[in-house]
């Protein structure tokens, strides 16, 4: 009996984690996982078919750049103008990567994007990838955009 203890301990060392992992997999992990993005991923991705305009109101043709689309309210008051200026500052803060990003406005976003979304990041193929509500900070948008630009291979 004494000789079987090391063998039993060794077997349990490998068997117990296997059964614990299987139990967690079958029961489901209800714990919320921490993520690094600040915005909300759009899943499944939505093709943005609405027309976009620059901040002066000129229509932007579909391009092959990343785009930050800002939803314009019906009346663009002082707060809206301030938000536009902050977005221009965010664009400048991108540094050398700013030539890969276009700023745009839209009166409405297509279905599939939450109604409270104020900003949407659109990839070079025209798909909306992430959105942000008014409660999100622009520093989070900047961090997400830098990460997307770093890991994308689009020109």
Protein backbone atom coordinates (compact mmCIF):
# COMPACT_ATOMS: atom_id res chain seq x y z
CA UNK A 1 0.00 0.00 0.00
CA UNK A 2 2.85 2.37 0.75
CA UNK A 3 4.31 1.96 -2.71
CA UNK A 4 1.06 2.91 -4.46
CA UNK A 5 0.76 6.39 -2.84
CA UNK A 6 3.30 8.12 -5.11
CA UNK A 7 1.70 6.57 -8.15
CA UNK A 8 -1.79 7.60 -6.97
CA UNK A 9 -0.61 11.15 -6.20
CA UNK A 10 0.95 11.42 -9.64
CA UNK A 11 -2.22 10.16 -11.33
CA UNK A 12 -4.40 12.60 -9.36
CA UNK A 13 -2.09 15.46 -10.29
CA UNK A 14 -3.01 14.96 -13.93
CA UNK A 15 -6.60 13.71 -13.60
CA UNK A 16 -8.07 16.34 -11.24
CA UNK A 17 -7.26 19.36 -13.50
CA UNK A 18 -8.75 17.52 -16.47
CA UNK A 19 -12.06 16.93 -14.68
CA UNK A 20 -12.10 20.47 -13.26
CA UNK A 21 -11.64 21.93 -16.75
CA UNK A 22 -14.36 19.66 -18.16
CA UNK A 23 -16.75 20.71 -15.38
CA UNK A 24 -16.09 24.41 -16.04
CA UNK A 25 -16.61 23.89 -19.73
CA UNK A 26 -19.87 22.01 -19.29
CA UNK A 27 -21.30 24.27 -16.59
CA UNK A 28 -20.30 27.43 -18.40
CA UNK A 29 -18.14 30.18 -17.09
CA UNK A 30 -20.41 32.93 -15.76
CA UNK A 31 -17.53 35.16 -14.74
CA UNK A 32 -17.20 38.35 -16.80
CA UNK A 33 -13.88 38.42 -18.61
CA UNK A 34 -11.82 41.60 -18.66
CA UNK A 35 -11.21 43.01 -22.12
CA UNK A 36 -8.84 45.67 -23.33
CA UNK A 37 -11.14 47.56 -25.70
CA UNK A 38 -12.99 50.64 -24.53
CA UNK A 39 -15.72 50.62 -27.16
CA UNK A 40 -18.34 48.01 -27.91
CA UNK A 41 -17.69 45.50 -30.70
CA UNK A 42 -20.39 45.21 -33.33
CA UNK A 43 -21.08 41.54 -33.78
CA UNK A 44 -21.94 40.61 -36.48
CA UNK A 45 -20.25 43.41 -38.38
CA UNK A 46 -22.52 45.79 -40.25
CA UNK A 47 -21.79 47.17 -43.71
CA UNK A 48 -22.17 50.92 -43.59
CA UNK A 49 -24.26 51.79 -46.62
CA UNK A 50 -25.33 55.27 -45.49
CA UNK A 51 -23.55 58.18 -47.06
CA UNK A 52 -20.89 59.86 -45.01
CA UNK A 53 -19.86 63.50 -45.14
CA UNK A 54 -16.87 65.41 -43.87
CA UNK A 55 -17.28 68.06 -41.18
CA UNK A 56 -18.03 70.70 -43.83
CA UNK A 57 -20.92 68.67 -45.27
CA UNK A 58 -19.18 67.42 -48.43
CA UNK A 59 -20.05 63.82 -49.32
CA UNK A 60 -17.15 61.41 -48.85
CA UNK A 61 -16.90 58.63 -51.44
CA UNK A 62 -16.15 55.15 -50.10
CA UNK A 63 -12.44 55.04 -49.42
CA UNK A 64 -9.97 52.44 -48.27
CA UNK A 65 -9.12 54.12 -44.98
CA UNK A 66 -10.25 53.68 -41.43
CA UNK A 67 -13.07 56.10 -40.65
CA UNK A 68 -14.41 57.62 -37.46
CA UNK A 69 -18.06 58.43 -38.10
CA UNK A 70 -19.81 60.91 -35.80
CA UNK A 71 -23.61 60.88 -35.60
CA UNK A 72 -24.87 64.42 -36.04
CA UNK A 73 -27.87 65.43 -33.95
CA UNK A 74 -30.79 67.15 -35.67
CA UNK A 75 -29.53 70.53 -34.46
CA UNK A 76 -25.77 70.91 -34.08
CA UNK A 77 -25.51 73.19 -31.04
CA UNK A 78 -22.47 74.33 -29.07
CA UNK A 79 -21.97 70.86 -27.54
CA UNK A 80 -21.99 69.28 -31.00
CA UNK A 81 -19.44 71.81 -32.27
CA UNK A 82 -17.27 71.08 -29.23
CA UNK A 83 -17.49 67.34 -29.95
CA UNK A 84 -16.39 67.97 -33.54
CA UNK A 85 -13.40 69.97 -32.31
CA UNK A 86 -12.47 67.19 -29.88
CA UNK A 87 -12.62 64.67 -32.74
CA UNK A 88 -10.31 66.87 -34.80
CA UNK A 89 -7.93 66.92 -31.82
CA UNK A 90 -8.18 63.13 -31.56
CA UNK A 91 -7.32 62.89 -35.26
CA UNK A 92 -4.28 65.10 -34.69
CA UNK A 93 -3.25 63.00 -31.68
CA UNK A 94 -2.87 59.97 -33.94
CA UNK A 95 0.38 61.51 -35.18
CA UNK A 96 1.88 59.85 -38.24
CA UNK A 97 -1.04 57.37 -38.38
CA UNK A 98 -3.61 60.14 -38.97
CA UNK A 99 -3.21 59.84 -42.74
CA UNK A 100 -4.80 56.36 -42.45
CA UNK A 101 -7.94 57.71 -40.73
CA UNK A 102 -10.76 59.87 -42.09
CA UNK A 103 -13.22 61.85 -39.98
CA UNK A 104 -16.83 61.73 -41.16
CA UNK A 105 -20.36 62.57 -40.06
CA UNK A 106 -23.66 60.81 -40.61
CA UNK A 107 -27.24 61.71 -39.78
CA UNK A 108 -28.06 58.11 -38.93
CA UNK A 109 -26.36 54.76 -38.63
CA UNK A 110 -27.85 51.59 -40.13
CA UNK A 111 -29.75 49.03 -38.11
CA UNK A 112 -27.47 46.71 -36.22
CA UNK A 113 -25.76 49.62 -34.48
CA UNK A 114 -27.22 50.68 -31.15
CA UNK A 115 -29.37 53.80 -31.25
CA UNK A 116 -27.33 55.52 -28.50
CA UNK A 117 -24.08 55.19 -30.47
CA UNK A 118 -22.45 58.55 -31.15
CA UNK A 119 -19.19 57.37 -32.74
CA UNK A 120 -18.52 54.38 -34.99
CA UNK A 121 -15.17 53.08 -36.19
CA UNK A 122 -15.37 51.78 -39.76
CA UNK A 123 -12.67 49.56 -41.23
CA UNK A 124 -11.24 50.05 -44.75
CA UNK A 125 -13.70 47.55 -46.25
CA UNK A 126 -16.67 49.65 -45.09
CA UNK A 127 -17.76 47.53 -42.14
CA UNK A 128 -18.61 49.13 -38.81
CA UNK A 129 -16.38 47.46 -36.22
CA UNK A 130 -16.88 49.30 -32.92
CA UNK A 131 -19.19 51.95 -31.55
CA UNK A 132 -19.08 54.36 -28.64
CA UNK A 133 -21.81 56.07 -26.69
CA UNK A 134 -21.70 59.53 -25.12
CA UNK A 135 -20.49 57.97 -21.85
CA UNK A 136 -17.24 56.73 -23.43
CA UNK A 137 -14.18 58.95 -23.22
CA UNK A 138 -12.26 60.02 -26.29
CA UNK A 139 -9.04 58.75 -24.74
CA UNK A 140 -10.52 55.25 -24.92
CA UNK A 141 -11.41 55.83 -28.59
CA UNK A 142 -7.83 56.93 -29.23
CA UNK A 143 -6.40 53.84 -27.53
CA UNK A 144 -8.71 51.51 -29.47
CA UNK A 145 -7.96 53.23 -32.76
CA UNK A 146 -4.21 53.07 -32.19
CA UNK A 147 -4.50 49.36 -31.44
CA UNK A 148 -6.60 48.72 -34.55
CA UNK A 149 -4.14 50.64 -36.72
CA UNK A 150 -1.19 48.83 -35.19
CA UNK A 151 -2.57 45.38 -35.93
CA UNK A 152 -4.19 46.10 -39.29
CA UNK A 153 -2.28 45.71 -42.51
CA UNK A 154 -4.32 48.22 -44.49
CA UNK A 155 -2.46 51.08 -46.09
